[in-house]
C-alpha atoms as a PDB file:
ATOM      1  CA  MET A   1      -2.178  57.261 -16.607  1.00  0.00           C
ATOM      2  CA  LEU A   2      -5.684  56.640 -17.882  1.00  0.00           C
ATOM      3  CA  SER A   3      -7.625  53.525 -16.973  1.00  0.00           C
ATOM      4  CA  ILE A   4     -11.125  52.376 -17.784  1.00  0.00           C
ATOM      5  CA  ALA A   5     -13.482  50.700 -15.322  1.00  0.00           C
ATOM      6  CA  LEU A   6     -14.938  47.451 -16.583  1.00  0.00           C
ATOM      7  CA  LEU A   7     -17.594  45.343 -14.861  1.00  0.00           C
ATOM      8  CA  SER A   8     -16.294  45.873 -11.350  1.00  0.00           C
ATOM      9  CA  ALA A   9     -14.412  48.726  -9.745  1.00  0.00           C
ATOM     10  CA  ALA A  10     -11.625  46.263  -8.840  1.00  0.00           C
ATOM     11  CA  GLU A  11     -11.020  45.290 -12.468  1.00  0.00           C
ATOM     12  CA  THR A  12      -9.389  48.079 -14.501  1.00  0.00           C
ATOM     13  CA  VAL A  13      -7.359  48.269 -17.678  1.00  0.00           C
ATOM     14  CA  ASN A  14      -4.344  50.599 -17.752  1.00  0.00           C
ATOM     15  CA  PHE A  15      -4.091  52.345 -21.117  1.00  0.00           C
ATOM     16  CA  GLY A  16      -0.677  53.853 -20.332  1.00  0.00           C
ATOM     17  CA  THR A  17       0.531  57.118 -21.819  1.00  0.00           C
ATOM     18  CA  PHE A  18      -1.980  59.215 -23.797  1.00  0.00           C
ATOM     19  CA  SER A  19      -1.279  61.385 -26.822  1.00  0.00           C
ATOM     20  CA  VAL A  20      -3.205  62.814 -29.702  1.00  0.00           C
ATOM     21  CA  SER A  21      -2.071  61.935 -33.218  1.00  0.00           C
ATOM     22  CA  LEU A  22      -2.840  64.840 -35.539  1.00  0.00           C
ATOM     23  CA  THR A  23      -3.161  64.509 -39.300  1.00  0.00           C
ATOM     24  CA  VAL A  24      -1.246  67.430 -40.809  1.00  0.00           C
ATOM     25  CA  LYS A  25      -1.027  68.849 -44.327  1.00  0.00           C
ATOM     26  CA  ASP A  26       2.384  70.503 -44.000  1.00  0.00           C
ATOM     27  CA  MET A  27       4.801  68.903 -41.518  1.00  0.00           C
ATOM     28  CA  LYS A  28       7.194  71.873 -41.421  1.00  0.00           C
ATOM     29  CA  LYS A  29       4.466  74.455 -40.707  1.00  0.00           C
ATOM     30  CA  SER A  30       2.726  72.266 -38.126  1.00  0.00           C
ATOM     31  CA  ARG A  31       5.942  71.389 -36.321  1.00  0.00           C
ATOM     32  CA  GLU A  32       6.994  75.062 -36.197  1.00  0.00           C
ATOM     33  CA  PHE A  33       3.560  76.024 -34.826  1.00  0.00           C
ATOM     34  CA  TYR A  34       3.710  73.531 -31.940  1.00  0.00           C
ATOM     35  CA  GLU A  35       7.355  74.360 -31.231  1.00  0.00           C
ATOM     36  CA  ARG A  36       6.289  78.025 -30.819  1.00  0.00           C
ATOM     37  CA  LEU A  37       3.823  76.771 -28.197  1.00  0.00           C
ATOM     38  CA  GLY A  38       6.725  75.236 -26.265  1.00  0.00           C
ATOM     39  CA  PHE A  39       6.598  71.650 -27.547  1.00  0.00           C
ATOM     40  CA  GLN A  40       9.921  69.951 -28.236  1.00  0.00           C
ATOM     41  CA  MET A  41      10.728  67.053 -30.523  1.00  0.00           C
ATOM     42  CA  VAL A  42      11.223  63.734 -28.741  1.00  0.00           C
ATOM     43  CA  PRO A  43      13.934  61.536 -30.285  1.00  0.00           C
ATOM     44  CA  PRO A  44      12.469  58.271 -31.597  1.00  0.00           C
ATOM     45  CA  ALA A  45      13.270  54.943 -29.986  1.00  0.00           C
ATOM     46  CA  GLY A  46      14.037  51.882 -32.048  1.00  0.00           C
ATOM     47  CA  THR A  47      15.227  51.418 -35.575  1.00  0.00           C
ATOM     48  CA  GLY A  48      13.912  50.300 -38.938  1.00  0.00           C
ATOM     49  CA  GLU A  49      12.293  51.666 -42.052  1.00  0.00           C
ATOM     50  CA  ALA A  50       9.456  53.515 -40.285  1.00  0.00           C
ATOM     51  CA  TRP A  51      11.951  55.445 -38.147  1.00  0.00           C
ATOM     52  CA  ARG A  52      13.713  56.794 -41.262  1.00  0.00           C
ATOM     53  CA  LYS A  53      10.654  58.964 -41.967  1.00  0.00           C
ATOM     54  CA  TYR A  54      10.913  60.588 -38.518  1.00  0.00           C
ATOM     55  CA  GLY A  55      10.921  64.358 -38.837  1.00  0.00           C
ATOM     56  CA  GLU A  56       9.684  64.245 -42.428  1.00  0.00           C
ATOM     57  CA  GLN A  57       6.496  62.175 -42.355  1.00  0.00           C
ATOM     58  CA  TRP A  58       5.923  61.992 -38.598  1.00  0.00           C
ATOM     59  CA  VAL A  59       7.233  63.503 -35.368  1.00  0.00           C
ATOM     60  CA  ILE A  60       6.472  63.262 -31.648  1.00  0.00           C
ATOM     61  CA  LEU A  61       6.435  66.512 -29.643  1.00  0.00           C
ATOM     62  CA  LYS A  62       6.240  66.886 -25.879  1.00  0.00           C
ATOM     63  CA  ASN A  63       5.560  69.726 -23.455  1.00  0.00           C
ATOM     64  CA  GLY A  64       5.517  68.531 -19.850  1.00  0.00           C
ATOM     65  CA  GLU A  65       3.147  65.579 -19.781  1.00  0.00           C
ATOM     66  CA  ALA A  66       1.348  66.647 -22.974  1.00  0.00           C
ATOM     67  CA  ILE A  67       2.286  64.611 -26.053  1.00  0.00           C
ATOM     68  CA  ILE A  68       1.321  65.355 -29.651  1.00  0.00           C
ATOM     69  CA  GLY A  69       2.180  63.232 -32.662  1.00  0.00           C
ATOM     70  CA  LEU A  70       2.156  64.948 -36.053  1.00  0.00           C
ATOM     71  CA  PHE A  71       1.564  62.637 -39.029  1.00  0.00           C
ATOM     72  CA  GLN A  72       1.564  63.614 -42.680  1.00  0.00           C
ATOM     73  CA  GLY A  73       0.000  61.129 -45.072  1.00  0.00           C
ATOM     74  CA  MET A  74      -0.249  58.332 -42.504  1.00  0.00           C
ATOM     75  CA  PHE A  75      -3.715  58.681 -40.915  1.00  0.00           C
ATOM     76  CA  GLU A  76      -7.024  59.791 -42.411  1.00  0.00           C
ATOM     77  CA  LYS A  77      -8.286  61.368 -39.180  1.00  0.00           C
ATOM     78  CA  ASN A  78      -6.957  62.762 -35.941  1.00  0.00           C
ATOM     79  CA  THR A  79      -6.550  59.813 -33.578  1.00  0.00           C
ATOM     80  CA  LEU A  80      -6.547  59.274 -29.819  1.00  0.00           C
ATOM     81  CA  THR A  81      -3.417  57.242 -29.053  1.00  0.00           C
ATOM     82  CA  PHE A  82      -2.623  55.185 -25.963  1.00  0.00           C
ATOM     83  CA  ASN A  83       0.642  53.339 -25.297  1.00  0.00           C
ATOM     84  CA  PRO A  84      -0.157  50.426 -22.988  1.00  0.00           C
ATOM     85  CA  ALA A  85       2.348  47.880 -21.691  1.00  0.00           C
ATOM     86  CA  ASP A  86       0.070  44.988 -22.770  1.00  0.00           C
ATOM     87  CA  VAL A  87      -2.083  45.750 -25.810  1.00  0.00           C
ATOM     88  CA  ARG A  88      -3.087  42.096 -26.203  1.00  0.00           C
ATOM     89  CA  GLY A  89      -4.330  41.880 -22.599  1.00  0.00           C
ATOM     90  CA  ILE A  90      -6.356  45.063 -23.005  1.00  0.00           C
ATOM     91  CA  GLN A  91      -7.769  43.830 -26.307  1.00  0.00           C
ATOM     92  CA  SER A  92      -8.824  40.560 -24.675  1.00  0.00           C
ATOM     93  CA  ALA A  93     -10.446  42.317 -21.684  1.00  0.00           C
ATOM     94  CA  LEU A  94     -12.313  44.778 -23.901  1.00  0.00           C
ATOM     95  CA  LYS A  95     -13.502  42.076 -26.300  1.00  0.00           C
ATOM     96  CA  GLU A  96     -14.978  40.253 -23.285  1.00  0.00           C
ATOM     97  CA  GLN A  97     -16.965  43.457 -22.652  1.00  0.00           C
ATOM     98  CA  GLY A  98     -18.285  43.423 -26.230  1.00  0.00           C
ATOM     99  CA  VAL A  99     -15.956  46.090 -27.647  1.00  0.00           C
ATOM    100  CA  LYS A 100     -15.415  45.643 -31.393  1.00  0.00           C
ATOM    101  CA  PHE A 101     -11.981  46.275 -32.926  1.00  0.00           C
ATOM    102  CA  THR A 102     -11.305  47.644 -36.406  1.00  0.00           C
ATOM    103  CA  VAL A 103      -7.824  46.093 -36.352  1.00  0.00           C
ATOM    104  CA  GLU A 104      -6.767  43.502 -33.781  1.00  0.00           C
ATOM    105  CA  ALA A 105      -3.271  43.063 -32.372  1.00  0.00           C
ATOM    106  CA  THR A 106      -1.332  40.148 -33.796  1.00  0.00           C
ATOM    107  CA  PRO A 107      -0.824  37.146 -31.504  1.00  0.00           C
ATOM    108  CA  GLY A 108       2.523  36.733 -29.760  1.00  0.00           C
ATOM    109  CA  LYS A 109       4.748  38.986 -27.701  1.00  0.00           C
ATOM    110  CA  GLY A 110       6.411  42.325 -28.213  1.00  0.00           C
ATOM    111  CA  PRO A 111       5.278  45.440 -30.093  1.00  0.00           C
ATOM    112  CA  ALA A 112       1.768  45.424 -31.534  1.00  0.00           C
ATOM    113  CA  PHE A 113      -1.210  47.691 -32.058  1.00  0.00           C
ATOM    114  CA  ALA A 114      -4.986  47.487 -32.090  1.00  0.00           C
ATOM    115  CA  LEU A 115      -7.478  50.000 -33.447  1.00  0.00           C
ATOM    116  CA  LEU A 116     -11.077  50.686 -32.500  1.00  0.00           C
ATOM    117  CA  THR A 117     -13.526  53.466 -33.296  1.00  0.00           C
ATOM    118  CA  ASP A 118     -15.671  55.316 -30.784  1.00  0.00           C
ATOM    119  CA  PRO A 119     -19.414  55.881 -31.402  1.00  0.00           C
ATOM    120  CA  ASP A 120     -18.675  59.217 -33.111  1.00  0.00           C
ATOM    121  CA  GLY A 121     -16.192  57.722 -35.578  1.00  0.00           C
ATOM    122  CA  ASN A 122     -13.033  58.838 -33.776  1.00  0.00           C
ATOM    123  CA  PRO A 123     -10.181  56.352 -34.150  1.00  0.00           C
ATOM    124  CA  VAL A 124      -8.622  55.051 -30.907  1.00  0.00           C
ATOM    125  CA  LEU A 125      -5.186  53.487 -31.330  1.00  0.00           C
ATOM    126  CA  LEU A 126      -3.662  51.186 -28.728  1.00  0.00           C
ATOM    127  CA  ASP A 127       0.034  51.139 -29.672  1.00  0.00           C
ATOM    128  CA  GLN A 128       2.463  49.013 -27.669  1.00  0.00           C
ATOM    129  CA  HIS A 129       6.094  49.853 -28.465  1.00  0.00           C
END
């Protein structure tokens, strides 16, 4: 688990599971490459239209604690991805610290995501399932 220290050492934000989301040109070739490295496909949770593209447009691979998402035609850049339990709480805490978001999580409960960009232009996705 990765957490970030805010103003005081006692106040931390838990970002949850970390993975890297890679933009790929050829899903089949990329998936085969990472499978040769020992990564295995993780079955998707949930249902819906986005899940129908699993294995064709996107796939999640795991090797031990290492997680890689392969995405074809979904992201412009490779993206750091975190899966927190409370994306809205993290967003609120970070906004109080002056962090600017590219996309903010929608109000309410349940699944949501927020997106920010680090100083070097790397996208950071906070994706609550």
